[in-house]
């Protein structure tokens, strides 16, 4: 038969194990929230770029001005 002290010991080990998992989960959640706040603050600086008007980048020398309306025949 299982003694009462061994049952208490097994329960204590189980409680300690799940307590450690709970502490690690809370710690990870705190770190993720902190990282999310940091990324949200960084994201607001990119929103300013979205409000800028579009500029045509194909006028550069790499495209040899194929967008112009002049055609050579």
C-alpha atoms as a PDB file:
ATOM      1  CA  UNK A   1       0.000   0.000   0.000  1.00  0.00           C
ATOM      2  CA  UNK A   2       1.155   3.551  -0.744  1.00  0.00           C
ATOM      3  CA  UNK A   3       2.054   5.544   2.315  1.00  0.00           C
ATOM      4  CA  UNK A   4       0.624   8.962   2.976  1.00  0.00           C
ATOM      5  CA  UNK A   5       4.065  10.621   2.984  1.00  0.00           C
ATOM      6  CA  UNK A   6       4.854   9.390  -0.539  1.00  0.00           C
ATOM      7  CA  UNK A   7       1.527  10.759  -1.810  1.00  0.00           C
ATOM      8  CA  UNK A   8       2.261  14.141  -0.235  1.00  0.00           C
ATOM      9  CA  UNK A   9       5.761  14.110  -1.753  1.00  0.00           C
ATOM     10  CA  UNK A  10       4.416  13.320  -5.233  1.00  0.00           C
ATOM     11  CA  UNK A  11       1.792  16.055  -4.926  1.00  0.00           C
ATOM     12  CA  UNK A  12       4.403  18.551  -3.744  1.00  0.00           C
ATOM     13  CA  UNK A  13       6.646  17.728  -6.718  1.00  0.00           C
ATOM     14  CA  UNK A  14       3.695  18.105  -9.096  1.00  0.00           C
ATOM     15  CA  UNK A  15       2.698  21.459  -7.576  1.00  0.00           C
ATOM     16  CA  UNK A  16       6.281  22.751  -7.792  1.00  0.00           C
ATOM     17  CA  UNK A  17       6.523  21.626 -11.445  1.00  0.00           C
ATOM     18  CA  UNK A  18       3.319  23.382 -12.469  1.00  0.00           C
ATOM     19  CA  UNK A  19       4.251  26.453 -10.430  1.00  0.00           C
ATOM     20  CA  UNK A  20       7.515  26.701 -12.375  1.00  0.00           C
ATOM     21  CA  UNK A  21       5.587  26.350 -15.654  1.00  0.00           C
ATOM     22  CA  UNK A  22       3.175  29.075 -14.547  1.00  0.00           C
ATOM     23  CA  UNK A  23       6.004  31.442 -13.613  1.00  0.00           C
ATOM     24  CA  UNK A  24       7.753  30.822 -16.927  1.00  0.00           C
ATOM     25  CA  UNK A  25       4.493  31.435 -18.798  1.00  0.00           C
ATOM     26  CA  UNK A  26       3.835  34.717 -17.001  1.00  0.00           C
ATOM     27  CA  UNK A  27       7.422  35.811 -17.649  1.00  0.00           C
ATOM     28  CA  UNK A  28       7.131  34.948 -21.355  1.00  0.00           C
ATOM     29  CA  UNK A  29       3.804  36.779 -21.603  1.00  0.00           C
ATOM     30  CA  UNK A  30       5.360  39.880 -20.025  1.00  0.00           C
ATOM     31  CA  UNK A  31       8.279  39.777 -22.453  1.00  0.00           C
ATOM     32  CA  UNK A  32       5.956  39.361 -25.453  1.00  0.00           C
ATOM     33  CA  UNK A  33       3.798  42.284 -24.325  1.00  0.00           C
ATOM     34  CA  UNK A  34       6.883  44.437 -23.911  1.00  0.00           C
ATOM     35  CA  UNK A  35       8.136  43.451 -27.392  1.00  0.00           C
ATOM     36  CA  UNK A  36       4.696  44.131 -28.883  1.00  0.00           C
ATOM     37  CA  UNK A  37       4.638  47.610 -27.368  1.00  0.00           C
ATOM     38  CA  UNK A  38       8.111  48.278 -28.764  1.00  0.00           C
ATOM     39  CA  UNK A  39       7.078  47.111 -32.243  1.00  0.00           C
ATOM     40  CA  UNK A  40       3.890  49.204 -32.126  1.00  0.00           C
ATOM     41  CA  UNK A  41       5.961  52.266 -31.307  1.00  0.00           C
ATOM     42  CA  UNK A  42       8.263  51.446 -34.197  1.00  0.00           C
ATOM     43  CA  UNK A  43       5.297  50.882 -36.511  1.00  0.00           C
ATOM     44  CA  UNK A  44       3.997  54.423 -36.000  1.00  0.00           C
ATOM     45  CA  UNK A  45       7.150  55.793 -37.596  1.00  0.00           C
ATOM     46  CA  UNK A  46       6.436  53.713 -40.715  1.00  0.00           C
ATOM     47  CA  UNK A  47       2.888  55.052 -40.947  1.00  0.00           C
ATOM     48  CA  UNK A  48       4.348  58.449 -41.768  1.00  0.00           C
ATOM     49  CA  UNK A  49       5.932  56.920 -44.887  1.00  0.00           C
ATOM     50  CA  UNK A  50       2.536  55.617 -46.009  1.00  0.00           C
ATOM     51  CA  UNK A  51       1.081  59.131 -46.055  1.00  0.00           C
ATOM     52  CA  UNK A  52       3.683  60.422 -48.506  1.00  0.00           C
ATOM     53  CA  UNK A  53       2.556  60.840 -52.112  1.00  0.00           C
ATOM     54  CA  UNK A  54       3.706  58.239 -54.618  1.00  0.00           C
ATOM     55  CA  UNK A  55       6.759  59.179 -56.643  1.00  0.00           C
ATOM     56  CA  UNK A  56       7.514  57.518 -59.947  1.00  0.00           C
ATOM     57  CA  UNK A  57      10.826  55.758 -59.610  1.00  0.00           C
ATOM     58  CA  UNK A  58      10.978  54.512 -63.219  1.00  0.00           C
ATOM     59  CA  UNK A  59      12.483  57.769 -64.476  1.00  0.00           C
ATOM     60  CA  UNK A  60      15.943  56.593 -63.433  1.00  0.00           C
ATOM     61  CA  UNK A  61      18.784  55.667 -65.740  1.00  0.00           C
ATOM     62  CA  UNK A  62      18.178  51.935 -65.313  1.00  0.00           C
ATOM     63  CA  UNK A  63      14.853  52.144 -67.123  1.00  0.00           C
ATOM     64  CA  UNK A  64      16.209  54.394 -69.896  1.00  0.00           C
ATOM     65  CA  UNK A  65      13.056  56.552 -69.742  1.00  0.00           C
ATOM     66  CA  UNK A  66      10.786  54.024 -71.475  1.00  0.00           C
ATOM     67  CA  UNK A  67       7.839  55.732 -69.789  1.00  0.00           C
ATOM     68  CA  UNK A  68       8.148  58.863 -71.857  1.00  0.00           C
ATOM     69  CA  UNK A  69       5.621  59.420 -74.632  1.00  0.00           C
ATOM     70  CA  UNK A  70       8.279  59.939 -77.312  1.00  0.00           C
ATOM     71  CA  UNK A  71       8.831  57.022 -79.650  1.00  0.00           C
ATOM     72  CA  UNK A  72      11.534  56.576 -82.252  1.00  0.00           C
ATOM     73  CA  UNK A  73      10.323  55.211 -85.554  1.00  0.00           C
END
